[in-house]
Protein backbone atom coordinates (compact mmCIF):
# COMPACT_ATOMS: atom_id res chain seq x y z
CA MET A 1 -108.05 40.31 -7.83
CA ALA A 2 -106.69 42.25 -4.86
CA ASP A 3 -106.82 39.29 -2.47
CA LYS A 4 -105.17 36.92 -4.93
CA LEU A 5 -102.47 39.46 -5.80
CA THR A 6 -101.79 40.01 -2.12
CA ARG A 7 -101.50 36.25 -1.62
CA LEU A 8 -99.12 35.92 -4.57
CA LYS A 9 -96.93 38.73 -3.25
CA SER A 10 -96.84 37.02 0.15
CA ILE A 11 -95.59 33.77 -1.36
CA LEU A 12 -93.05 35.60 -3.52
CA ALA A 13 -91.79 37.46 -0.44
CA GLU A 14 -91.28 34.17 1.40
CA GLN A 15 -89.45 32.69 -1.58
CA ARG A 16 -87.27 35.76 -1.85
CA ASP A 17 -86.38 35.59 1.84
CA ILE A 18 -85.12 32.05 1.32
CA SER A 19 -83.20 33.08 -1.82
CA LEU A 20 -81.51 35.93 0.04
CA ALA A 21 -80.58 33.52 2.83
CA ILE A 22 -78.89 31.40 0.16
CA ALA A 23 -77.02 34.49 -1.06
CA LEU A 24 -75.93 35.25 2.50
CA ALA A 25 -74.60 31.72 2.92
CA ASP A 26 -72.73 32.05 -0.39
CA TRP A 27 -71.21 35.40 0.61
CA ASP A 28 -70.05 33.91 3.89
CA LYS A 29 -68.61 30.91 2.05
CA GLN A 30 -66.44 33.17 -0.09
CA ALA A 31 -65.58 35.83 2.48
CA ASN A 32 -65.42 34.13 5.89
CA MET A 33 -66.09 30.40 5.98
CA PRO A 34 -63.15 28.15 6.96
CA PRO A 35 -62.35 25.45 4.35
CA GLY A 36 -63.54 22.76 6.74
CA GLY A 37 -67.11 24.04 6.49
CA ALA A 38 -67.47 23.25 2.79
CA LYS A 39 -69.27 19.92 3.12
CA GLU A 40 -71.88 21.09 5.62
CA ARG A 41 -72.38 24.36 3.75
CA SER A 42 -73.12 22.37 0.61
CA TRP A 43 -75.88 20.52 2.51
CA GLN A 44 -77.29 23.81 3.78
CA SER A 45 -77.27 25.31 0.29
CA ALA A 46 -79.04 22.27 -1.11
CA THR A 47 -81.75 22.40 1.55
CA LEU A 48 -82.41 26.12 1.14
CA THR A 49 -82.37 25.89 -2.66
CA ALA A 50 -84.92 23.08 -2.58
CA LEU A 51 -87.17 25.09 -0.26
CA ALA A 52 -87.00 28.19 -2.46
CA HIS A 53 -87.70 26.15 -5.59
CA GLN A 54 -90.64 24.32 -4.02
CA ARG A 55 -92.16 27.55 -2.73
CA PHE A 56 -91.96 29.29 -6.10
CA THR A 57 -93.08 26.36 -8.26
CA SER A 58 -95.96 25.27 -6.04
CA PRO A 59 -99.34 24.56 -7.70
CA GLU A 60 -100.76 27.46 -5.69
CA VAL A 61 -98.48 29.94 -7.46
CA GLY A 62 -99.46 28.48 -10.82
CA GLN A 63 -103.14 28.77 -10.00
CA LEU A 64 -102.79 32.33 -8.75
CA LEU A 65 -100.98 33.37 -11.93
CA GLU A 66 -103.70 31.76 -14.03
CA ASP A 67 -106.47 33.42 -12.04
CA LEU A 68 -104.79 36.83 -12.23
CA GLN A 69 -104.06 36.67 -15.94
CA SER A 70 -107.43 38.01 -17.09
CA SER A 71 -107.44 40.79 -14.48
CA ALA A 72 -103.94 41.91 -15.38
CA VAL A 73 -105.08 43.37 -18.70
CA SER A 74 -106.82 46.19 -16.82
CA LEU A 75 -103.56 47.31 -15.21
CA ASP A 76 -101.22 49.94 -16.58
CA PRO A 77 -98.72 47.72 -18.46
CA ASP A 78 -95.82 49.64 -16.92
CA SER A 79 -97.15 49.55 -13.37
CA ASP A 80 -95.25 47.64 -10.70
CA ASP A 81 -98.06 45.10 -10.34
CA ALA A 82 -98.38 44.44 -14.08
CA ARG A 83 -94.65 43.99 -14.44
CA LEU A 84 -94.49 41.76 -11.37
CA LEU A 85 -97.13 39.47 -12.85
CA LYS A 86 -95.42 39.39 -16.23
CA SER A 87 -91.99 38.67 -14.73
CA THR A 88 -93.33 36.05 -12.33
CA ALA A 89 -95.27 34.25 -15.06
CA ARG A 90 -92.16 34.11 -17.23
CA ASP A 91 -89.97 32.80 -14.41
CA TYR A 92 -92.61 30.33 -13.22
CA ALA A 93 -92.96 28.85 -16.71
CA ARG A 94 -89.22 28.16 -16.69
CA ARG A 95 -88.69 27.07 -13.10
CA VAL A 96 -91.60 24.64 -13.04
CA LYS A 97 -89.80 22.57 -15.68
CA VAL A 98 -86.87 21.90 -13.33
CA PRO A 99 -87.27 19.12 -10.73
CA VAL A 100 -86.60 20.16 -7.16
CA GLU A 101 -84.23 17.19 -6.74
CA PHE A 102 -82.09 18.58 -9.55
CA GLU A 103 -81.97 22.04 -7.97
CA ALA A 104 -80.87 20.58 -4.65
CA GLU A 105 -78.16 18.41 -6.21
CA PHE A 106 -76.84 21.28 -8.31
CA ALA A 107 -76.65 23.55 -5.27
CA GLN A 108 -74.78 20.91 -3.29
CA VAL A 109 -72.32 20.12 -6.09
CA THR A 110 -71.49 23.76 -6.83
CA SER A 111 -71.21 24.77 -3.19
CA ALA A 112 -68.64 22.02 -2.61
CA ALA A 113 -66.89 22.75 -5.92
CA HIS A 114 -66.08 26.31 -4.92
CA THR A 115 -63.77 25.18 -2.11
CA VAL A 116 -62.17 22.62 -4.44
CA TRP A 117 -61.54 25.34 -7.03
CA VAL A 118 -59.97 27.73 -4.50
CA LYS A 119 -57.50 25.05 -3.44
CA ALA A 120 -56.85 23.88 -7.02
CA ARG A 121 -56.07 27.41 -8.18
CA ALA A 122 -53.74 28.03 -5.27
CA GLU A 123 -51.89 24.77 -5.97
CA GLU A 124 -51.97 24.99 -9.80
CA ASP A 125 -53.74 21.62 -9.81
CA PHE A 126 -56.37 21.29 -12.54
CA ALA A 127 -56.65 17.52 -12.04
CA SER A 128 -58.10 17.98 -8.55
CA PHE A 129 -60.82 20.27 -9.93
CA LEU A 130 -61.60 18.15 -12.99
CA PRO A 131 -64.17 15.80 -11.37
CA SER A 132 -66.16 18.76 -10.07
CA LEU A 133 -65.95 20.55 -13.41
CA ARG A 134 -67.04 17.46 -15.32
CA ARG A 135 -70.04 16.95 -13.06
CA ILE A 136 -71.06 20.60 -13.29
CA PHE A 137 -71.12 20.53 -17.10
CA GLU A 138 -73.05 17.25 -17.04
CA LEU A 139 -75.64 18.91 -14.81
CA ARG A 140 -75.81 21.96 -17.05
CA ARG A 141 -76.50 19.77 -20.09
CA THR A 142 -79.23 18.04 -18.13
CA TYR A 143 -80.64 21.44 -17.16
CA ALA A 144 -80.70 22.64 -20.76
CA GLY A 145 -82.58 19.48 -21.67
CA PHE A 146 -85.50 20.53 -19.47
CA PHE A 147 -86.17 23.36 -21.96
CA ALA A 148 -85.98 21.40 -25.23
CA PRO A 149 -86.73 22.09 -27.97
CA TYR A 150 -84.43 25.08 -28.32
CA ASP A 151 -82.53 26.79 -31.11
CA HIS A 152 -79.23 26.00 -29.39
CA ILE A 153 -78.42 24.02 -26.26
CA TYR A 154 -76.66 27.10 -24.85
CA ASP A 155 -79.86 29.20 -25.10
CA PRO A 156 -81.46 28.00 -21.82
CA LEU A 157 -78.22 28.71 -19.95
CA LEU A 158 -77.87 32.20 -21.42
CA GLU A 159 -81.54 32.89 -20.63
CA ASP A 160 -80.86 32.51 -16.90
CA PHE A 161 -78.54 35.52 -16.98
CA GLU A 162 -79.77 37.50 -19.99
CA PRO A 163 -83.55 37.07 -20.43
CA GLY A 164 -84.67 37.19 -24.04
CA MET A 165 -81.19 36.87 -25.54
CA LYS A 166 -80.29 34.03 -27.92
CA THR A 167 -76.88 32.48 -28.52
CA ALA A 168 -77.06 33.43 -32.21
CA GLU A 169 -77.63 37.09 -31.31
CA VAL A 170 -74.58 37.16 -29.05
CA GLN A 171 -72.45 35.41 -31.66
CA LYS A 172 -73.55 37.94 -34.28
CA LEU A 173 -72.54 40.86 -32.06
CA PHE A 174 -69.19 39.21 -31.30
CA GLU A 175 -68.56 38.45 -34.98
CA TRP A 176 -69.01 42.17 -35.71
CA LEU A 177 -66.78 43.21 -32.81
CA ARG A 178 -63.90 40.77 -33.03
CA PRO A 179 -62.21 41.91 -36.29
CA ARG A 180 -62.54 45.57 -35.31
CA GLN A 181 -61.08 45.06 -31.85
CA VAL A 182 -58.28 42.92 -33.28
CA ALA A 183 -57.51 45.64 -35.83
CA LEU A 184 -57.37 48.25 -33.06
CA ILE A 185 -55.05 46.07 -30.97
CA GLN A 186 -52.77 45.49 -33.95
CA ALA A 187 -52.60 49.22 -34.66
CA ILE A 188 -51.71 49.87 -31.02
CA ALA A 189 -49.06 47.12 -31.13
CA ASN A 190 -47.27 49.10 -33.86
CA ARG A 191 -46.92 52.13 -31.58
CA PRO A 192 -44.25 52.56 -28.87
CA PRO A 193 -45.30 50.78 -25.65
CA ILE A 194 -46.51 52.85 -22.73
CA ASP A 195 -44.52 52.72 -19.50
CA ASP A 196 -46.68 51.58 -16.57
CA SER A 197 -43.87 50.25 -14.37
CA PHE A 198 -44.76 52.77 -11.63
CA LEU A 199 -47.99 50.84 -11.04
CA PHE A 200 -45.99 47.85 -9.80
CA GLY A 201 -43.80 47.59 -6.72
CA HIS A 202 -44.97 47.68 -3.14
CA PHE A 203 -48.22 49.45 -2.25
CA ASP A 204 -49.35 49.09 1.32
CA PRO A 205 -52.59 47.05 1.26
CA GLN A 206 -54.27 49.06 4.02
CA LYS A 207 -53.56 52.33 2.22
CA GLN A 208 -54.96 50.82 -0.98
CA TRP A 209 -58.05 49.75 0.94
CA ASP A 210 -58.55 53.17 2.53
CA PHE A 211 -58.18 55.00 -0.78
CA GLY A 212 -60.69 52.66 -2.41
CA VAL A 213 -63.19 53.22 0.40
CA GLU A 214 -62.80 57.00 0.00
CA VAL A 215 -63.63 56.70 -3.70
CA LEU A 216 -66.59 54.38 -3.02
CA LYS A 217 -68.07 56.96 -0.66
CA ARG A 218 -67.56 59.71 -3.23
CA MET A 219 -69.27 57.59 -5.88
CA GLY A 220 -72.31 57.42 -3.61
CA PHE A 221 -72.01 53.97 -2.04
CA ASP A 222 -73.90 54.05 1.25
CA PHE A 223 -71.91 52.21 3.91
CA ASN A 224 -74.93 52.34 6.21
CA ARG A 225 -76.55 49.94 3.73
CA GLY A 226 -73.45 48.07 2.62
CA ARG A 227 -69.94 46.89 3.37
CA GLN A 228 -66.74 45.73 1.68
CA ASP A 229 -64.72 42.59 2.45
CA PHE A 230 -61.93 40.48 0.91
CA SER A 231 -62.42 37.40 -1.27
CA ALA A 232 -60.37 35.31 -3.71
CA HIS A 233 -62.43 36.67 -6.59
CA PRO A 234 -64.17 40.08 -6.27
CA PHE A 235 -67.96 39.99 -6.37
CA THR A 236 -71.08 41.85 -5.30
CA THR A 237 -74.11 40.38 -3.59
CA SER A 238 -77.24 41.75 -1.98
CA PHE A 239 -79.53 40.63 0.82
CA GLY A 240 -81.97 43.45 0.19
CA ILE A 241 -81.84 47.13 -0.76
CA GLY A 242 -80.55 47.88 2.73
CA ASP A 243 -77.76 45.28 2.76
CA VAL A 244 -75.50 45.30 -0.29
CA ARG A 245 -72.03 43.79 0.04
CA ILE A 246 -68.98 43.90 -2.17
CA THR A 247 -65.64 42.16 -1.96
CA THR A 248 -62.30 43.07 -3.46
CA HIS A 249 -58.89 41.48 -3.87
CA ILE A 250 -55.88 43.68 -3.16
CA ASP A 251 -52.46 42.86 -4.57
CA PRO A 252 -49.66 44.55 -2.59
CA HIS A 253 -47.52 44.54 -5.72
CA SER A 254 -50.06 46.01 -8.17
CA LEU A 255 -51.81 49.32 -7.52
CA GLY A 256 -54.44 49.02 -10.24
CA SER A 257 -55.67 45.52 -9.47
CA GLY A 258 -57.42 46.25 -6.19
CA PHE A 259 -58.51 49.79 -6.99
CA PHE A 260 -60.30 49.04 -10.23
CA SER A 261 -61.86 45.92 -8.72
CA THR A 262 -63.23 48.07 -5.91
CA VAL A 263 -64.70 50.63 -8.30
CA HIS A 264 -66.08 47.88 -10.54
CA GLU A 265 -67.90 46.18 -7.68
CA GLY A 266 -68.97 49.58 -6.41
CA GLY A 267 -70.80 50.13 -9.70
CA HIS A 268 -72.71 46.89 -9.17
CA ALA A 269 -73.48 47.90 -5.59
CA LEU A 270 -74.82 51.33 -6.51
CA TYR A 271 -77.29 49.60 -8.81
CA ASN A 272 -78.45 47.30 -6.00
CA GLN A 273 -78.80 50.21 -3.59
CA GLY A 274 -80.77 52.23 -6.13
CA PHE A 275 -83.88 50.09 -6.65
CA PHE A 276 -87.15 51.86 -5.99
CA PRO A 277 -88.03 51.11 -2.33
CA GLY A 278 -91.52 50.00 -3.35
CA LEU A 279 -89.97 47.00 -5.12
CA ALA A 280 -88.40 45.69 -1.91
CA HIS A 281 -89.37 42.17 -0.87
CA THR A 282 -90.38 41.31 -4.45
CA PRO A 283 -88.54 39.58 -7.32
CA LEU A 284 -88.32 42.97 -9.07
CA ALA A 285 -85.78 44.22 -6.50
CA GLU A 286 -82.84 42.96 -8.53
CA GLY A 287 -81.01 43.88 -11.72
CA ALA A 288 -82.76 43.57 -15.06
CA SER A 289 -80.01 41.19 -16.19
CA LEU A 290 -76.33 40.56 -15.71
CA ALA A 291 -75.49 42.59 -18.82
CA ILE A 292 -77.37 45.57 -17.41
CA HIS A 293 -75.59 44.99 -14.09
CA GLU A 294 -72.25 44.76 -15.87
CA SER A 295 -72.96 47.97 -17.77
CA GLN A 296 -73.06 49.74 -14.41
CA SER A 297 -69.82 48.27 -13.09
CA ARG A 298 -67.92 48.75 -16.35
CA LEU A 299 -69.22 52.30 -16.70
CA TRP A 300 -67.82 53.28 -13.30
CA GLU A 301 -64.63 51.28 -13.67
CA ASN A 302 -63.69 52.35 -17.20
CA LEU A 303 -65.64 55.33 -18.47
CA VAL A 304 -65.34 57.11 -15.13
CA ALA A 305 -62.34 55.79 -13.19
CA ARG A 306 -60.04 55.32 -16.19
CA SER A 307 -60.85 58.78 -17.54
CA ARG A 308 -58.36 61.62 -17.33
CA ASP A 309 -61.00 63.91 -15.85
CA PHE A 310 -61.48 61.57 -12.87
CA TRP A 311 -57.78 61.67 -12.06
CA VAL A 312 -57.50 65.46 -12.34
CA TYR A 313 -59.25 65.39 -8.97
CA TYR A 314 -57.99 62.11 -7.51
CA TYR A 315 -54.40 61.80 -8.69
CA PRO A 316 -52.97 64.47 -6.34
CA ARG A 317 -54.65 62.60 -3.48
CA LEU A 318 -53.20 59.30 -4.62
CA GLN A 319 -49.74 60.85 -4.84
CA ILE A 320 -50.07 61.88 -1.19
CA VAL A 321 -50.93 58.30 -0.26
CA PHE A 322 -48.00 56.84 -2.24
CA PRO A 323 -45.44 59.66 -2.56
CA SER A 324 -42.33 57.54 -3.13
CA GLN A 325 -44.00 55.48 -5.88
CA LEU A 326 -45.93 58.25 -7.67
CA GLY A 327 -44.45 61.56 -6.56
CA SER A 328 -42.37 62.01 -9.73
CA VAL A 329 -44.98 60.56 -12.12
CA SER A 330 -47.03 63.17 -13.96
CA LEU A 331 -50.82 63.02 -14.38
CA ASP A 332 -50.47 62.35 -18.12
CA GLU A 333 -47.99 59.52 -17.49
CA PHE A 334 -50.32 58.02 -14.90
CA TYR A 335 -53.37 58.31 -17.17
CA ARG A 336 -51.55 56.64 -20.03
CA GLY A 337 -50.21 53.97 -17.67
CA ILE A 338 -53.59 52.90 -16.32
CA ASN A 339 -54.85 52.68 -19.90
CA ARG A 340 -51.93 50.74 -21.33
CA VAL A 341 -53.03 48.14 -23.88
CA GLU A 342 -51.25 44.85 -23.46
CA ARG A 343 -52.09 41.27 -24.29
CA SER A 344 -52.40 39.71 -20.85
CA PRO A 345 -53.75 36.31 -19.73
CA VAL A 346 -56.01 37.43 -16.86
CA ARG A 347 -59.50 38.68 -17.73
CA VAL A 348 -60.12 40.78 -14.61
CA GLU A 349 -56.90 42.71 -15.24
CA ALA A 350 -57.37 43.08 -19.00
CA ASP A 351 -57.48 46.54 -20.56
CA GLU A 352 -60.54 47.85 -22.35
CA ALA A 353 -59.22 47.16 -25.84
CA THR A 354 -58.59 43.45 -25.21
CA TYR A 355 -61.20 42.64 -22.56
CA ASN A 356 -63.97 41.48 -24.89
CA LEU A 357 -61.61 38.97 -26.52
CA HIS A 358 -61.29 37.23 -23.15
CA VAL A 359 -65.07 36.93 -23.06
CA MET A 360 -65.32 35.65 -26.62
CA LEU A 361 -62.74 32.99 -25.81
CA ARG A 362 -64.77 31.78 -22.86
CA LEU A 363 -67.99 31.71 -24.85
CA GLU A 364 -66.33 29.56 -27.50
CA LEU A 365 -65.09 27.09 -24.89
CA GLU A 366 -68.36 26.98 -22.97
CA ILE A 367 -70.31 26.19 -26.13
CA ALA A 368 -67.85 23.45 -27.07
CA LEU A 369 -68.10 21.95 -23.58
CA ILE A 370 -71.88 22.12 -23.37
CA GLU A 371 -72.23 20.65 -26.87
CA GLY A 372 -69.96 17.79 -25.83
CA LYS A 373 -67.41 18.61 -28.54
CA LEU A 374 -64.73 19.37 -25.95
CA ASP A 375 -64.01 17.05 -23.03
CA PRO A 376 -63.27 18.83 -19.73
CA SER A 377 -59.98 16.92 -19.44
CA ASP A 378 -58.78 18.66 -22.61
CA LEU A 379 -59.74 22.11 -21.37
CA PRO A 380 -56.30 23.36 -20.23
CA GLU A 381 -54.76 22.87 -23.67
CA ALA A 382 -57.90 24.12 -25.43
CA TRP A 383 -57.76 27.21 -23.23
CA ASN A 384 -54.12 27.85 -24.05
CA GLN A 385 -54.72 27.36 -27.76
CA ALA A 386 -57.66 29.78 -27.67
CA MET A 387 -55.46 32.32 -25.88
CA ARG A 388 -52.93 31.99 -28.68
CA ASP A 389 -55.65 32.34 -31.30
CA TYR A 390 -57.33 35.35 -29.70
CA LEU A 391 -54.45 37.19 -28.08
CA GLY A 392 -51.24 35.58 -29.28
CA ILE A 393 -50.08 34.60 -25.79
CA THR A 394 -49.91 31.48 -23.61
CA PRO A 395 -50.62 31.68 -19.85
CA ALA A 396 -47.59 30.83 -17.76
CA ALA A 397 -49.68 29.12 -15.06
CA LEU A 398 -53.06 27.47 -14.67
CA SER A 399 -54.06 30.12 -12.13
CA LYS A 400 -53.64 32.68 -14.91
CA GLY A 401 -55.31 30.40 -17.42
CA VAL A 402 -58.07 27.86 -17.12
CA LEU A 403 -58.33 28.09 -13.31
CA GLN A 404 -58.46 31.88 -13.05
CA ASP A 405 -62.26 32.40 -12.92
CA VAL A 406 -64.67 31.38 -10.16
CA HIS A 407 -67.67 31.05 -12.48
CA TRP A 408 -67.47 27.42 -13.55
CA SER A 409 -67.08 26.21 -9.97
CA GLY A 410 -70.40 27.90 -9.25
CA GLY A 411 -72.08 26.43 -12.31
CA THR A 412 -72.73 29.82 -13.89
CA ILE A 413 -72.42 28.61 -17.46
CA GLY A 414 -73.87 31.29 -19.73
CA TYR A 415 -72.66 34.16 -17.54
CA PHE A 416 -69.50 35.21 -19.41
CA PRO A 417 -71.15 36.77 -22.51
CA THR A 418 -72.90 39.29 -20.26
CA TYR A 419 -69.56 40.96 -19.48
CA ALA A 420 -69.03 41.97 -23.10
CA LEU A 421 -72.70 42.85 -23.54
CA GLY A 422 -72.33 45.09 -20.48
CA ASN A 423 -69.44 46.89 -22.15
CA LEU A 424 -71.61 47.60 -25.18
CA ILE A 425 -74.51 48.87 -23.07
CA SER A 426 -72.20 51.08 -20.99
CA ALA A 427 -71.05 52.94 -24.10
CA GLN A 428 -74.64 53.34 -25.33
CA LEU A 429 -75.59 54.81 -21.97
CA TRP A 430 -72.48 57.00 -21.89
CA GLU A 431 -73.46 58.77 -25.10
CA LYS A 432 -76.90 59.52 -23.65
CA ILE A 433 -75.46 60.62 -20.32
CA ASN A 434 -73.10 63.12 -21.92
CA GLN A 435 -75.96 64.56 -23.96
CA ALA A 436 -78.03 64.95 -20.80
CA ILE A 437 -75.13 66.30 -18.65
CA PRO A 438 -72.86 68.25 -21.03
CA ASP A 439 -70.59 69.53 -18.23
CA LEU A 440 -69.94 66.03 -16.86
CA PRO A 441 -66.15 66.22 -17.48
CA ASP A 442 -65.97 69.45 -15.46
CA GLN A 443 -67.89 67.79 -12.63
CA PHE A 444 -65.46 64.88 -12.58
CA ARG A 445 -62.50 67.26 -12.40
CA ARG A 446 -64.09 68.64 -9.23
CA GLY A 447 -64.67 65.16 -7.81
CA GLU A 448 -68.44 65.43 -8.23
CA PHE A 449 -70.38 62.32 -9.26
CA GLY A 450 -73.83 63.14 -7.92
CA ALA A 451 -75.35 64.16 -11.26
CA LEU A 452 -74.13 60.95 -12.90
CA LEU A 453 -75.54 58.81 -10.11
CA GLU A 454 -78.85 60.70 -10.21
CA TRP A 455 -79.16 60.03 -13.96
CA LEU A 456 -78.38 56.35 -13.50
CA ARG A 457 -80.82 56.10 -10.60
CA GLY A 458 -83.63 57.65 -12.62
CA SER A 459 -82.96 55.87 -15.90
CA ILE A 460 -81.72 52.43 -14.82
CA HIS A 461 -81.49 51.70 -11.11
CA ARG A 462 -84.97 52.53 -9.85
CA HIS A 463 -86.64 50.13 -12.29
CA GLY A 464 -84.92 47.02 -10.94
CA ALA A 465 -86.13 44.04 -12.97
CA LYS A 466 -89.39 45.63 -14.15
CA PHE A 467 -88.25 45.62 -17.78
CA GLU A 468 -86.43 42.96 -19.76
CA PRO A 469 -82.90 44.08 -20.65
CA GLN A 470 -83.38 44.78 -24.34
CA GLU A 471 -86.57 46.71 -23.58
CA LEU A 472 -84.80 48.79 -20.93
CA VAL A 473 -81.89 49.60 -23.24
CA GLN A 474 -84.37 50.55 -25.98
CA ARG A 475 -86.29 52.84 -23.63
CA VAL A 476 -83.18 54.64 -22.42
CA THR A 477 -81.04 54.84 -25.56
CA GLY A 478 -83.51 54.44 -28.42
CA SER A 479 -81.88 51.21 -29.59
CA THR A 480 -81.46 47.63 -28.47
CA ILE A 481 -77.92 46.45 -27.68
CA THR A 482 -75.58 47.53 -30.47
CA PRO A 483 -71.76 47.52 -30.72
CA GLU A 484 -71.16 50.77 -32.64
CA PRO A 485 -71.01 53.18 -29.65
CA TYR A 486 -68.50 50.95 -27.91
CA MET A 487 -66.18 50.88 -30.89
CA ARG A 488 -66.51 54.65 -31.28
CA TYR A 489 -65.50 55.01 -27.65
CA LEU A 490 -62.51 52.64 -27.95
CA GLU A 491 -61.23 54.12 -31.20
CA THR A 492 -61.53 57.68 -29.93
CA LYS A 493 -59.92 57.06 -26.55
CA PHE A 494 -57.05 54.85 -27.66
CA GLY A 495 -56.58 56.79 -30.88
CA GLN A 496 -55.73 59.78 -28.69
CA ILE A 497 -53.61 57.86 -26.18
CA TYR A 498 -51.58 56.06 -28.86
CA SER A 499 -51.69 58.80 -31.54
CA LEU A 500 -53.27 56.47 -34.09
């Protein structure tokens, strides 16, 4: 067994090296590459993707997994080796169904589409992006077909980002959440609006950047093993435990936009930096799922950085950075301002009370598109109508509507639901964290986040992808993903802010 396991690990390490090279090329595409490099980068992405796919789905890997299956029963089921075999067998069974030619074409199409989307969004030109979008959804339908029969055509797409989760399960959670979040928003709408005008004006971008970096360091982000750059859409990527990179987008006219994006991506990055070193160079050195990943980013962004306790320590420092803008604004005014609930068109700038509705809207449209019930050419109007149905507003521009997100240009259909699932998980974890660290608010008021990070490292981060997401949530919280803690959190927090 030992020789065959060693051989399997060697192949998986090679495949992972290629995959991380793909991630590096994608990071460069979004952070540094000139627009003229799009065509050749798409060829490079296609070549590397084909190599990674061929290496992982080779007959040798299949034979090794089969040979190791009987020996695996003697392993501790929670050991790294047992979990590696289980995870690899699951992924192999899926990936072997997808032709390498398809993987290469999909990589080439999506790599080129990203540059088209960036230009289309900047020019408010949906028509120029439509051919790419149409082709991407055609390819995603073809991809789903490789896994037929299925309960729902969206299931194979969701599985790529949230292993073990079914479309019907997500829809059930959202059906429970939607009326309660709508009721909360309506109750808030009947209260006097909160003034947040002091968050808008002119805020020097470099000072915003420097303040964000200071907070990242305090959170525990290791700049010896990571860096931050600019991109059109903030994201986090990793080329190994020792090289984790985040990007942010700073708006000189909006203080909150860049700061909360930085903290959000910092939460993702802390997860990537926290995997157990023994998992390095294996497929287990990654997040358990995108919902688990999102639970980390949303926890730091909202439950930490939008808390009053956080700003007891940091607000005086921020006032020093921007004295003319914030010098006469009290801590309570600032806290209420950064938590103002308002129906807005842009997901990444949405408040906690409305955020999940943005996700539900996207899930509805993705399902309609993948089922073929909605033609991509009709998407702008369908988007606007969904915004009216969910939030009672209509985006004033395509860049704040159907063109706002990078995801579809990258072919990540099935990704959006994980944002809302991450919100739910973050609240479940938060209740456990506060039980384990009862003086956490006092620590925040002193600018101390080490105990929180230590808990997350021990409970979530170190395991990487050893456990499937629902299993991990069950182990840590005693329950699979459930919406009740999140609604308790929202109703308590905004009930106090808006005196409901």
